[in-house]
Amino acid sequence: MEADHVIRALAALAQEHRLAAFRLLVEAGPDGLPAGAIAERVGVPPSSMSFHLAQLANAGLVTQRRASRSIIYAADYAAMTGLMGYLTENCCGGVPCDNAAACGPATNRKNA
């Protein structure tokens, strides 16, 4: 994953409603959710949610498809995995992490 794509993705997630919507879509699975249902569950007006979902789509974090009169949004799991991989590729000095304690902050490793 290229640094400019990572920056766009992190910038899109650096807003409370977009982060909540993305987490909701990750939980919803590959079938996704209609934009109206996302707005309702996140607690923002549909017009505002449309703006936030467009930002997530522009960052490549969600996909959208039309189903009748609704637009269905779904998390792009490949993009999410790529982002997580980019953020953790140098974890543990390049040594594969065998357990969660090995990848935790240094203070956690002292207590392990």
PDB file of N, CA and C in Angstrom:
ATOM      1  N   MET A   1       0.850  -1.174   0.000  1.00  0.00           N
ATOM      2  CA  MET A   1       0.000   0.000   0.000  1.00  0.00           C
ATOM      3  C   MET A   1       0.894   1.236   0.000  1.00  0.00           C
ATOM      4  N   GLU A   2       0.545   2.183  -0.849  1.00  0.00           N
ATOM      5  CA  GLU A   2       1.322   3.421  -0.976  1.00  0.00           C
ATOM      6  C   GLU A   2       0.995   4.391   0.159  1.00  0.00           C
ATOM      7  N   ALA A   3       1.968   5.182   0.548  1.00  0.00           N
ATOM      8  CA  ALA A   3       1.803   6.122   1.656  1.00  0.00           C
ATOM      9  C   ALA A   3       0.668   7.110   1.407  1.00  0.00           C
ATOM     10  N   ASP A   4       0.493   7.591   0.171  1.00  0.00           N
ATOM     11  CA  ASP A   4      -0.573   8.563  -0.080  1.00  0.00           C
ATOM     12  C   ASP A   4      -1.950   7.941   0.127  1.00  0.00           C
ATOM     13  N   HIS A   5      -2.102   6.659  -0.195  1.00  0.00           N
ATOM     14  CA  HIS A   5      -3.379   5.977   0.039  1.00  0.00           C
ATOM     15  C   HIS A   5      -3.617   5.802   1.539  1.00  0.00           C
ATOM     16  N   VAL A   6      -2.569   5.474   2.278  1.00  0.00           N
ATOM     17  CA  VAL A   6      -2.672   5.330   3.734  1.00  0.00           C
ATOM     18  C   VAL A   6      -3.084   6.654   4.358  1.00  0.00           C
ATOM     19  N   ILE A   7      -2.494   7.737   3.910  1.00  0.00           N
ATOM     20  CA  ILE A   7      -2.824   9.059   4.452  1.00  0.00           C
ATOM     21  C   ILE A   7      -4.282   9.391   4.190  1.00  0.00           C
ATOM     22  N   ARG A   8      -4.788   9.121   2.972  1.00  0.00           N
ATOM     23  CA  ARG A   8      -6.202   9.377   2.660  1.00  0.00           C
ATOM     24  C   ARG A   8      -7.114   8.537   3.543  1.00  0.00           C
ATOM     25  N   ALA A   9      -6.757   7.268   3.725  1.00  0.00           N
ATOM     26  CA  ALA A   9      -7.585   6.380   4.542  1.00  0.00           C
ATOM     27  C   ALA A   9      -7.613   6.827   5.998  1.00  0.00           C
ATOM     28  N   LEU A  10      -6.456   7.143   6.543  1.00  0.00           N
ATOM     29  CA  LEU A  10      -6.412   7.581   7.937  1.00  0.00           C
ATOM     30  C   LEU A  10      -7.117   8.919   8.124  1.00  0.00           C
ATOM     31  N   ALA A  11      -6.994   9.812   7.148  1.00  0.00           N
ATOM     32  CA  ALA A  11      -7.688  11.102   7.223  1.00  0.00           C
ATOM     33  C   ALA A  11      -9.201  10.889   7.203  1.00  0.00           C
ATOM     34  N   ALA A  12      -9.664   9.956   6.382  1.00  0.00           N
ATOM     35  CA  ALA A  12     -11.102   9.685   6.320  1.00  0.00           C
ATOM     36  C   ALA A  12     -11.609   9.108   7.641  1.00  0.00           C
ATOM     37  N   LEU A  13     -10.800   8.299   8.291  1.00  0.00           N
ATOM     38  CA  LEU A  13     -11.214   7.687   9.554  1.00  0.00           C
ATOM     39  C   LEU A  13     -11.050   8.625  10.754  1.00  0.00           C
ATOM     40  N   ALA A  14     -10.394   9.749  10.553  1.00  0.00           N
ATOM     41  CA  ALA A  14     -10.106  10.676  11.652  1.00  0.00           C
ATOM     42  C   ALA A  14     -11.269  11.631  11.902  1.00  0.00           C
ATOM     43  N   GLN A  15     -12.476  11.105  11.866  1.00  0.00           N
ATOM     44  CA  GLN A  15     -13.682  11.879  12.136  1.00  0.00           C
ATOM     45  C   GLN A  15     -14.673  10.920  12.795  1.00  0.00           C
ATOM     46  N   GLU A  16     -15.295  11.385  13.848  1.00  0.00           N
ATOM     47  CA  GLU A  16     -16.135  10.532  14.694  1.00  0.00           C
ATOM     48  C   GLU A  16     -17.219   9.762  13.927  1.00  0.00           C
ATOM     49  N   HIS A  17     -17.985  10.435  13.082  1.00  0.00           N
ATOM     50  CA  HIS A  17     -19.092   9.770  12.386  1.00  0.00           C
ATOM     51  C   HIS A  17     -18.600   8.818  11.297  1.00  0.00           C
ATOM     52  N   ARG A  18     -17.511   9.193  10.618  1.00  0.00           N
ATOM     53  CA  ARG A  18     -16.960   8.296   9.601  1.00  0.00           C
ATOM     54  C   ARG A  18     -16.373   7.049  10.240  1.00  0.00           C
ATOM     55  N   LEU A  19     -15.679   7.220  11.344  1.00  0.00           N
ATOM     56  CA  LEU A  19     -15.121   6.069  12.050  1.00  0.00           C
ATOM     57  C   LEU A  19     -16.244   5.153  12.533  1.00  0.00           C
ATOM     58  N   ALA A  20     -17.298   5.728  13.090  1.00  0.00           N
ATOM     59  CA  ALA A  20     -18.435   4.925  13.560  1.00  0.00           C
ATOM     60  C   ALA A  20     -19.094   4.185  12.397  1.00  0.00           C
ATOM     61  N   ALA A  21     -19.268   4.860  11.264  1.00  0.00           N
ATOM     62  CA  ALA A  21     -19.880   4.229  10.093  1.00  0.00           C
ATOM     63  C   ALA A  21     -18.995   3.097   9.577  1.00  0.00           C
ATOM     64  N   PHE A  22     -17.699   3.317   9.519  1.00  0.00           N
ATOM     65  CA  PHE A  22     -16.795   2.277   9.029  1.00  0.00           C
ATOM     66  C   PHE A  22     -16.821   1.067   9.948  1.00  0.00           C
ATOM     67  N   ARG A  23     -16.770   1.294  11.235  1.00  0.00           N
ATOM     68  CA  ARG A  23     -16.822   0.176  12.192  1.00  0.00           C
ATOM     69  C   ARG A  23     -18.136  -0.589  12.062  1.00  0.00           C
ATOM     70  N   LEU A  24     -19.226   0.135  11.863  1.00  0.00           N
ATOM     71  CA  LEU A  24     -20.530  -0.496  11.663  1.00  0.00           C
ATOM     72  C   LEU A  24     -20.535  -1.361  10.404  1.00  0.00           C
ATOM     73  N   LEU A  25     -19.931  -0.851   9.328  1.00  0.00           N
ATOM     74  CA  LEU A  25     -19.873  -1.610   8.081  1.00  0.00           C
ATOM     75  C   LEU A  25     -18.970  -2.831   8.204  1.00  0.00           C
ATOM     76  N   VAL A  26     -17.892  -2.717   8.952  1.00  0.00           N
ATOM     77  CA  VAL A  26     -17.020  -3.877   9.188  1.00  0.00           C
ATOM     78  C   VAL A  26     -17.820  -4.960   9.913  1.00  0.00           C
ATOM     79  N   GLU A  27     -18.603  -4.539  10.891  1.00  0.00           N
ATOM     80  CA  GLU A  27     -19.430  -5.474  11.655  1.00  0.00           C
ATOM     81  C   GLU A  27     -20.541  -6.073  10.791  1.00  0.00           C
ATOM     82  N   ALA A  28     -21.080  -5.293   9.868  1.00  0.00           N
ATOM     83  CA  ALA A  28     -22.205  -5.743   9.041  1.00  0.00           C
ATOM     84  C   ALA A  28     -21.816  -6.847   8.071  1.00  0.00           C
ATOM     85  N   GLY A  29     -20.562  -6.940   7.715  1.00  0.00           N
ATOM     86  CA  GLY A  29     -20.123  -7.987   6.806  1.00  0.00           C
ATOM     87  C   GLY A  29     -20.229  -7.578   5.354  1.00  0.00           C
ATOM     88  N   PRO A  30     -19.967  -8.504   4.453  1.00  0.00           N
ATOM     89  CA  PRO A  30     -19.896  -8.179   3.024  1.00  0.00           C
ATOM     90  C   PRO A  30     -21.224  -7.745   2.408  1.00  0.00           C
ATOM     91  N   ASP A  31     -22.346  -8.069   3.028  1.00  0.00           N
ATOM     92  CA  ASP A  31     -23.639  -7.628   2.488  1.00  0.00           C
ATOM     93  C   ASP A  31     -23.837  -6.133   2.647  1.00  0.00           C
ATOM     94  N   GLY A  32     -23.177  -5.536   3.629  1.00  0.00           N
ATOM     95  CA  GLY A  32     -23.268  -4.099   3.834  1.00  0.00           C
ATOM     96  C   GLY A  32     -24.608  -3.649   4.374  1.00  0.00           C
ATOM     97  N   LEU A  33     -24.810  -2.334   4.324  1.00  0.00           N
ATOM     98  CA  LEU A  33     -26.027  -1.715   4.840  1.00  0.00           C
ATOM     99  C   LEU A  33     -26.438  -0.570   3.931  1.00  0.00           C
ATOM    100  N   PRO A  34     -27.746  -0.289   3.864  1.00  0.00           N
ATOM    101  CA  PRO A  34     -28.188   0.892   3.122  1.00  0.00           C
ATOM    102  C   PRO A  34     -27.760   2.167   3.836  1.00  0.00           C
ATOM    103  N   ALA A  35     -27.541   3.209   3.061  1.00  0.00           N
ATOM    104  CA  ALA A  35     -27.076   4.486   3.622  1.00  0.00           C
ATOM    105  C   ALA A  35     -28.014   4.992   4.721  1.00  0.00           C
ATOM    106  N   GLY A  36     -29.324   4.866   4.517  1.00  0.00           N
ATOM    107  CA  GLY A  36     -30.281   5.339   5.519  1.00  0.00           C
ATOM    108  C   GLY A  36     -30.148   4.612   6.843  1.00  0.00           C
ATOM    109  N   ALA A  37     -29.918   3.309   6.796  1.00  0.00           N
ATOM    110  CA  ALA A  37     -29.749   2.535   8.026  1.00  0.00           C
ATOM    111  C   ALA A  37     -28.465   2.932   8.748  1.00  0.00           C
ATOM    112  N   ILE A  38     -27.424   3.215   7.982  1.00  0.00           N
ATOM    113  CA  ILE A  38     -26.163   3.659   8.596  1.00  0.00           C
ATOM    114  C   ILE A  38     -26.380   4.985   9.298  1.00  0.00           C
ATOM    115  N   ALA A  39     -27.037   5.921   8.616  1.00  0.00           N
ATOM    116  CA  ALA A  39     -27.307   7.245   9.205  1.00  0.00           C
ATOM    117  C   ALA A  39     -28.105   7.105  10.493  1.00  0.00           C
ATOM    118  N   GLU A  40     -29.109   6.257  10.472  1.00  0.00           N
ATOM    119  CA  GLU A  40     -29.953   6.065  11.652  1.00  0.00           C
ATOM    120  C   GLU A  40     -29.158   5.490  12.815  1.00  0.00           C
ATOM    121  N   ARG A  41     -28.360   4.477  12.533  1.00  0.00           N
ATOM    122  CA  ARG A  41     -27.608   3.818  13.609  1.00  0.00           C
ATOM    123  C   ARG A  41     -26.475   4.677  14.143  1.00  0.00           C
ATOM    124  N   VAL A  42     -25.887   5.516  13.274  1.00  0.00           N
ATOM    125  CA  VAL A  42     -24.817   6.407  13.727  1.00  0.00           C
ATOM    126  C   VAL A  42     -25.405   7.657  14.397  1.00  0.00           C
ATOM    127  N   GLY A  43     -26.642   7.982  14.030  1.00  0.00           N
ATOM    128  CA  GLY A  43     -27.318   9.117  14.657  1.00  0.00           C
ATOM    129  C   GLY A  43     -27.026  10.454  14.003  1.00  0.00           C
ATOM    130  N   VAL A  44     -26.908  10.444  12.684  1.00  0.00           N
ATOM    131  CA  VAL A  44     -26.694  11.701  11.948  1.00  0.00           C
ATOM    132  C   VAL A  44     -27.729  11.804  10.833  1.00  0.00           C
ATOM    133  N   PRO A  45     -28.028  13.009  10.368  1.00  0.00           N
ATOM    134  CA  PRO A  45     -28.977  13.160   9.264  1.00  0.00           C
ATOM    135  C   PRO A  45     -28.473  12.455   8.009  1.00  0.00           C
ATOM    136  N   PRO A  46     -29.391  11.910   7.197  1.00  0.00           N
ATOM    137  CA  PRO A  46     -28.987  11.204   5.984  1.00  0.00           C
ATOM    138  C   PRO A  46     -28.104  12.027   5.046  1.00  0.00           C
ATOM    139  N   SER A  47     -28.365  13.327   4.928  1.00  0.00           N
ATOM    140  CA  SER A  47     -27.538  14.154   4.035  1.00  0.00           C
ATOM    141  C   SER A  47     -26.104  14.249   4.544  1.00  0.00           C
ATOM    142  N   SER A  48     -25.935  14.339   5.846  1.00  0.00           N
ATOM    143  CA  SER A  48     -24.586  14.361   6.420  1.00  0.00           C
ATOM    144  C   SER A  48     -23.898  13.014   6.243  1.00  0.00           C
ATOM    145  N   MET A  49     -24.665  11.932   6.432  1.00  0.00           N
ATOM    146  CA  MET A  49     -24.074  10.605   6.289  1.00  0.00           C
ATOM    147  C   MET A  49     -23.641  10.369   4.853  1.00  0.00           C
ATOM    148  N   SER A  50     -24.392  10.878   3.883  1.00  0.00           N
ATOM    149  CA  SER A  50     -23.992  10.742   2.480  1.00  0.00           C
ATOM    150  C   SER A  50     -22.622  11.367   2.257  1.00  0.00           C
ATOM    151  N   PHE A  51     -22.390  12.524   2.841  1.00  0.00           N
ATOM    152  CA  PHE A  51     -21.083  13.190   2.736  1.00  0.00           C
ATOM    153  C   PHE A  51     -19.994  12.315   3.358  1.00  0.00           C
ATOM    154  N   HIS A  52     -20.256  11.793   4.549  1.00  0.00           N
ATOM    155  CA  HIS A  52     -19.252  10.980   5.236  1.00  0.00           C
ATOM    156  C   HIS A  52     -18.971   9.685   4.471  1.00  0.00           C
ATOM    157  N   LEU A  53     -20.008   9.045   3.947  1.00  0.00           N
ATOM    158  CA  LEU A  53     -19.807   7.814   3.181  1.00  0.00           C
ATOM    159  C   LEU A  53     -19.041   8.086   1.892  1.00  0.00           C
ATOM    160  N   ALA A  54     -19.275   9.241   1.288  1.00  0.00           N
ATOM    161  CA  ALA A  54     -18.516   9.613   0.088  1.00  0.00           C
ATOM    162  C   ALA A  54     -17.036   9.767   0.419  1.00  0.00           C
ATOM    163  N   GLN A  55     -16.734  10.318   1.577  1.00  0.00           N
ATOM    164  CA  GLN A  55     -15.337  10.469   1.998  1.00  0.00           C
ATOM    165  C   GLN A  55     -14.689   9.094   2.191  1.00  0.00           C
ATOM    166  N   LEU A  56     -15.421   8.173   2.813  1.00  0.00           N
ATOM    167  CA  LEU A  56     -14.891   6.817   3.002  1.00  0.00           C
ATOM    168  C   LEU A  56     -14.699   6.116   1.665  1.00  0.00           C
ATOM    169  N   ALA A  57     -15.631   6.323   0.743  1.00  0.00           N
ATOM    170  CA  ALA A  57     -15.510   5.714  -0.590  1.00  0.00           C
ATOM    171  C   ALA A  57     -14.331   6.313  -1.346  1.00  0.00           C
ATOM    172  N   ASN A  58     -14.154   7.623  -1.276  1.00  0.00           N
ATOM    173  CA  ASN A  58     -13.028   8.281  -1.950  1.00  0.00           C
ATOM    174  C   ASN A  58     -11.688   7.817  -1.393  1.00  0.00           C
ATOM    175  N   ALA A  59     -11.676   7.428  -0.121  1.00  0.00           N
ATOM    176  CA  ALA A  59     -10.449   6.917   0.501  1.00  0.00           C
ATOM    177  C   ALA A  59     -10.249   5.436   0.197  1.00  0.00           C
ATOM    178  N   GLY A  60     -11.209   4.818  -0.484  1.00  0.00           N
ATOM    179  CA  GLY A  60     -11.087   3.412  -0.847  1.00  0.00           C
ATOM    180  C   GLY A  60     -11.406   2.441   0.269  1.00  0.00           C
ATOM    181  N   LEU A  61     -12.069   2.913   1.319  1.00  0.00           N
ATOM    182  CA  LEU A  61     -12.357   2.056   2.463  1.00  0.00           C
ATOM    183  C   LEU A  61     -13.701   1.347   2.375  1.00  0.00           C
ATOM    184  N   VAL A  62     -14.610   1.873   1.556  1.00  0.00           N
ATOM    185  CA  VAL A  62     -15.914   1.246   1.402  1.00  0.00           C
ATOM    186  C   VAL A  62     -16.267   1.145  -0.077  1.00  0.00           C
ATOM    187  N   THR A  63     -17.130   0.195  -0.379  1.00  0.00           N
ATOM    188  CA  THR A  63     -17.670   0.059  -1.725  1.00  0.00           C
ATOM    189  C   THR A  63     -19.139   0.442  -1.672  1.00  0.00           C
ATOM    190  N   GLN A  64     -19.676   0.760  -2.823  1.00  0.00           N
ATOM    191  CA  GLN A  64     -21.096   1.079  -2.885  1.00  0.00           C
ATOM    192  C   GLN A  64     -21.716   0.419  -4.104  1.00  0.00           C
ATOM    193  N   ARG A  65     -22.975   0.030  -3.942  1.00  0.00           N
ATOM    194  CA  ARG A  65     -23.720  -0.543  -5.049  1.00  0.00           C
ATOM    195  C   ARG A  65     -25.181  -0.129  -4.914  1.00  0.00           C
ATOM    196  N   ARG A  66     -25.842  -0.049  -6.042  1.00  0.00           N
ATOM    197  CA  ARG A  66     -27.253   0.328  -6.033  1.00  0.00           C
ATOM    198  C   ARG A  66     -28.094  -0.934  -5.952  1.00  0.00           C
ATOM    199  N   ALA A  67     -29.095  -0.896  -5.086  1.00  0.00           N
ATOM    200  CA  ALA A  67     -30.080  -1.969  -4.967  1.00  0.00           C
ATOM    201  C   ALA A  67     -31.446  -1.295  -4.964  1.00  0.00           C
ATOM    202  N   SER A  68     -32.098  -1.311  -6.108  1.00  0.00           N
ATOM    203  CA  SER A  68     -33.378  -0.632  -6.283  1.00  0.00           C
ATOM    204  C   SER A  68     -33.163   0.863  -6.046  1.00  0.00           C
ATOM    205  N   ARG A  69     -33.829   1.418  -5.050  1.00  0.00           N
ATOM    206  CA  ARG A  69     -33.698   2.864  -4.783  1.00  0.00           C
ATOM    207  C   ARG A  69     -32.659   3.172  -3.710  1.00  0.00           C
ATOM    208  N   SER A  70     -32.031   2.151  -3.163  1.00  0.00           N
ATOM    209  CA  SER A  70     -31.056   2.340  -2.086  1.00  0.00           C
ATOM    210  C   SER A  70     -29.638   2.196  -2.598  1.00  0.00           C
ATOM    211  N   ILE A  71     -28.734   2.858  -1.907  1.00  0.00           N
ATOM    212  CA  ILE A  71     -27.305   2.632  -2.133  1.00  0.00           C
ATOM    213  C   ILE A  71     -26.803   1.846  -0.931  1.00  0.00           C
ATOM    214  N   ILE A  72     -26.219   0.701  -1.226  1.00  0.00           N
ATOM    215  CA  ILE A  72     -25.707  -0.185  -0.182  1.00  0.00           C
ATOM    216  C   ILE A  72     -24.204   0.019  -0.079  1.00  0.00           C
ATOM    217  N   TYR A  73     -23.745   0.260   1.124  1.00  0.00           N
ATOM    218  CA  TYR A  73     -22.318   0.440   1.384  1.00  0.00           C
ATOM    219  C   TYR A  73     -21.796  -0.775   2.129  1.00  0.00           C
ATOM    220  N   ALA A  74     -20.564  -1.150   1.829  1.00  0.00           N
ATOM    221  CA  ALA A  74     -19.907  -2.268   2.513  1.00  0.00           C
ATOM    222  C   ALA A  74     -18.444  -1.914   2.726  1.00  0.00           C
ATOM    223  N   ALA A  75     -17.891  -2.418   3.813  1.00  0.00           N
ATOM    224  CA  ALA A  75     -16.468  -2.222   4.075  1.00  0.00           C
ATOM    225  C   ALA A  75     -15.665  -2.951   3.005  1.00  0.00           C
ATOM    226  N   ASP A  76     -14.591  -2.349   2.566  1.00  0.00           N
ATOM    227  CA  ASP A  76     -13.669  -3.001   1.647  1.00  0.00           C
ATOM    228  C   ASP A  76     -12.609  -3.678   2.507  1.00  0.00           C
ATOM    229  N   TYR A  77     -12.798  -4.975   2.727  1.00  0.00           N
ATOM    230  CA  TYR A  77     -11.916  -5.697   3.638  1.00  0.00           C
ATOM    231  C   TYR A  77     -10.486  -5.786   3.129  1.00  0.00           C
ATOM    232  N   ALA A  78     -10.298  -5.830   1.823  1.00  0.00           N
ATOM    233  CA  ALA A  78      -8.939  -5.860   1.276  1.00  0.00           C
ATOM    234  C   ALA A  78      -8.221  -4.552   1.601  1.00  0.00           C
ATOM    235  N   ALA A  79      -8.926  -3.426   1.478  1.00  0.00           N
ATOM    236  CA  ALA A  79      -8.326  -2.129   1.806  1.00  0.00           C
ATOM    237  C   ALA A  79      -8.024  -2.044   3.295  1.00  0.00           C
ATOM    238  N   MET A  80      -8.947  -2.540   4.130  1.00  0.00           N
ATOM    239  CA  MET A  80      -8.736  -2.518   5.575  1.00  0.00           C
ATOM    240  C   MET A  80      -7.521  -3.371   5.946  1.00  0.00           C
ATOM    241  N   THR A  81      -7.415  -4.552   5.342  1.00  0.00           N
ATOM    242  CA  THR A  81      -6.286  -5.436   5.608  1.00  0.00           C
ATOM    243  C   THR A  81      -4.979  -4.796   5.143  1.00  0.00           C
ATOM    244  N   GLY A  82      -5.021  -4.148   3.985  1.00  0.00           N
ATOM    245  CA  GLY A  82      -3.839  -3.457   3.481  1.00  0.00           C
ATOM    246  C   GLY A  82      -3.390  -2.339   4.403  1.00  0.00           C
ATOM    247  N   LEU A  83      -4.355  -1.583   4.921  1.00  0.00           N
ATOM    248  CA  LEU A  83      -4.044  -0.495   5.845  1.00  0.00           C
ATOM    249  C   LEU A  83      -3.432  -1.045   7.134  1.00  0.00           C
ATOM    250  N   MET A  84      -4.034  -2.092   7.669  1.00  0.00           N
ATOM    251  CA  MET A  84      -3.499  -2.691   8.893  1.00  0.00           C
ATOM    252  C   MET A  84      -2.108  -3.273   8.648  1.00  0.00           C
ATOM    253  N   GLY A  85      -1.924  -3.882   7.493  1.00  0.00           N
ATOM    254  CA  GLY A  85      -0.615  -4.428   7.154  1.00  0.00           C
ATOM    255  C   GLY A  85       0.442  -3.346   7.064  1.00  0.00           C
ATOM    256  N   TYR A  86       0.071  -2.223   6.439  1.00  0.00           N
ATOM    257  CA  TYR A  86       1.009  -1.109   6.321  1.00  0.00           C
ATOM    258  C   TYR A  86       1.397  -0.588   7.711  1.00  0.00           C
ATOM    259  N   LEU A  87       0.416  -0.477   8.593  1.00  0.00           N
ATOM    260  CA  LEU A  87       0.672   0.061   9.931  1.00  0.00           C
ATOM    261  C   LEU A  87       1.495  -0.887  10.801  1.00  0.00           C
ATOM    262  N   THR A  88       1.432  -2.170  10.518  1.00  0.00           N
ATOM    263  CA  THR A  88       2.111  -3.136  11.391  1.00  0.00           C
ATOM    264  C   THR A  88       3.268  -3.863  10.722  1.00  0.00           C
ATOM    265  N   GLU A  89       3.618  -3.493   9.479  1.00  0.00           N
ATOM    266  CA  GLU A  89       4.639  -4.263   8.772  1.00  0.00           C
ATOM    267  C   GLU A  89       6.004  -4.243   9.451  1.00  0.00           C
ATOM    268  N   ASN A  90       6.291  -3.250  10.241  1.00  0.00           N
ATOM    269  CA  ASN A  90       7.577  -3.208  10.936  1.00  0.00           C
ATOM    270  C   ASN A  90       7.442  -3.533  12.420  1.00  0.00           C
ATOM    271  N   CYS A  91       6.311  -4.114  12.774  1.00  0.00           N
ATOM    272  CA  CYS A  91       6.055  -4.491  14.161  1.00  0.00           C
ATOM    273  C   CYS A  91       7.129  -5.482  14.622  1.00  0.00           C
ATOM    274  N   CYS A  92       7.548  -5.355  15.822  1.00  0.00           N
ATOM    275  CA  CYS A  92       8.491  -6.287  16.448  1.00  0.00           C
ATOM    276  C   CYS A  92       9.816  -6.354  15.703  1.00  0.00           C
ATOM    277  N   GLY A  93      10.219  -5.263  15.100  1.00  0.00           N
ATOM    278  CA  GLY A  93      11.501  -5.221  14.406  1.00  0.00           C
ATOM    279  C   GLY A  93      11.582  -6.172  13.230  1.00  0.00           C
ATOM    280  N   GLY A  94      10.437  -6.485  12.620  1.00  0.00           N
ATOM    281  CA  GLY A  94      10.425  -7.377  11.473  1.00  0.00           C
ATOM    282  C   GLY A  94      10.323  -8.847  11.820  1.00  0.00           C
ATOM    283  N   VAL A  95      10.352  -9.174  13.104  1.00  0.00           N
ATOM    284  CA  VAL A  95      10.210 -10.556  13.543  1.00  0.00           C
ATOM    285  C   VAL A  95       8.714 -10.856  13.661  1.00  0.00           C
ATOM    286  N   PRO A  96       8.250 -11.978  13.114  1.00  0.00           N
ATOM    287  CA  PRO A  96       6.820 -12.301  13.223  1.00  0.00           C
ATOM    288  C   PRO A  96       6.371 -12.332  14.676  1.00  0.00           C
ATOM    289  N   CYS A  97       5.228 -11.733  14.934  1.00  0.00           N
ATOM    290  CA  CYS A  97       4.668 -11.713  16.287  1.00  0.00           C
ATOM    291  C   CYS A  97       3.932 -13.019  16.538  1.00  0.00           C
ATOM    292  N   ASP A  98       4.326 -13.730  17.590  1.00  0.00           N
ATOM    293  CA  ASP A  98       3.677 -14.996  17.907  1.00  0.00           C
ATOM    294  C   ASP A  98       2.502 -14.826  18.852  1.00  0.00           C
ATOM    295  N   ASN A  99       2.489 -13.727  19.607  1.00  0.00           N
ATOM    296  CA  ASN A  99       1.365 -13.502  20.518  1.00  0.00           C
ATOM    297  C   ASN A  99       1.149 -12.000  20.695  1.00  0.00           C
ATOM    298  N   ALA A 100       0.028 -11.671  21.253  1.00  0.00           N
ATOM    299  CA  ALA A 100      -0.341 -10.257  21.400  1.00  0.00           C
ATOM    300  C   ALA A 100       0.636  -9.509  22.303  1.00  0.00           C
ATOM    301  N   ALA A 101       1.167 -10.161  23.320  1.00  0.00           N
ATOM    302  CA  ALA A 101       2.081  -9.487  24.238  1.00  0.00           C
ATOM    303  C   ALA A 101       3.349  -9.033  23.529  1.00  0.00           C
ATOM    304  N   ALA A 102       3.783  -9.786  22.537  1.00  0.00           N
ATOM    305  CA  ALA A 102       5.009  -9.436  21.826  1.00  0.00           C
ATOM    306  C   ALA A 102       4.848  -8.150  21.029  1.00  0.00           C
ATOM    307  N   CYS A 103       3.621  -7.817  20.622  1.00  0.00           N
ATOM    308  CA  CYS A 103       3.380  -6.619  19.819  1.00  0.00           C
ATOM    309  C   CYS A 103       2.868  -5.456  20.640  1.00  0.00           C
ATOM    310  N   GLY A 104       2.726  -5.624  21.931  1.00  0.00           N
ATOM    311  CA  GLY A 104       2.220  -4.547  22.773  1.00  0.00           C
ATOM    312  C   GLY A 104       3.295  -3.537  23.066  1.00  0.00           C
ATOM    313  N   PRO A 105       2.923  -2.439  23.714  1.00  0.00           N
ATOM    314  CA  PRO A 105       3.905  -1.433  24.114  1.00  0.00           C
ATOM    315  C   PRO A 105       4.985  -2.050  25.002  1.00  0.00           C
ATOM    316  N   ALA A 106       6.115  -1.413  25.039  1.00  0.00           N
ATOM    317  CA  ALA A 106       7.254  -1.929  25.800  1.00  0.00           C
ATOM    318  C   ALA A 106       6.869  -2.181  27.263  1.00  0.00           C
ATOM    319  N   THR A 107       6.011  -1.352  27.846  1.00  0.00           N
ATOM    320  CA  THR A 107       5.614  -1.547  29.242  1.00  0.00           C
ATOM    321  C   THR A 107       4.874  -2.869  29.418  1.00  0.00           C
ATOM    322  N   ASN A 108       4.091  -3.286  28.405  1.00  0.00           N
ATOM    323  CA  ASN A 108       3.387  -4.555  28.484  1.00  0.00           C
ATOM    324  C   ASN A 108       4.366  -5.730  28.395  1.00  0.00           C
ATOM    325  N   ARG A 109       5.418  -5.598  27.593  1.00  0.00           N
ATOM    326  CA  ARG A 109       6.381  -6.691  27.455  1.00  0.00           C
ATOM    327  C   ARG A 109       7.157  -6.907  28.730  1.00  0.00           C
ATOM    328  N   LYS A 110       7.404  -5.845  29.497  1.00  0.00           N
ATOM    329  CA  LYS A 110       8.134  -6.004  30.747  1.00  0.00           C
ATOM    330  C   LYS A 110       7.345  -6.856  31.733  1.00  0.00           C
ATOM    331  N   ASN A 111       5.999  -6.726  31.693  1.00  0.00           N
ATOM    332  CA  ASN A 111       5.162  -7.443  32.630  1.00  0.00           C
ATOM    333  C   ASN A 111       4.834  -8.860  32.161  1.00  0.00           C
ATOM    334  N   ALA A 112       5.159  -9.188  30.903  1.00  0.00           N
ATOM    335  CA  ALA A 112       4.783 -10.494  30.360  1.00  0.00           C
ATOM    336  C   ALA A 112       5.714 -11.584  30.823  1.00  0.00           C
TER     337      ALA A 112
END
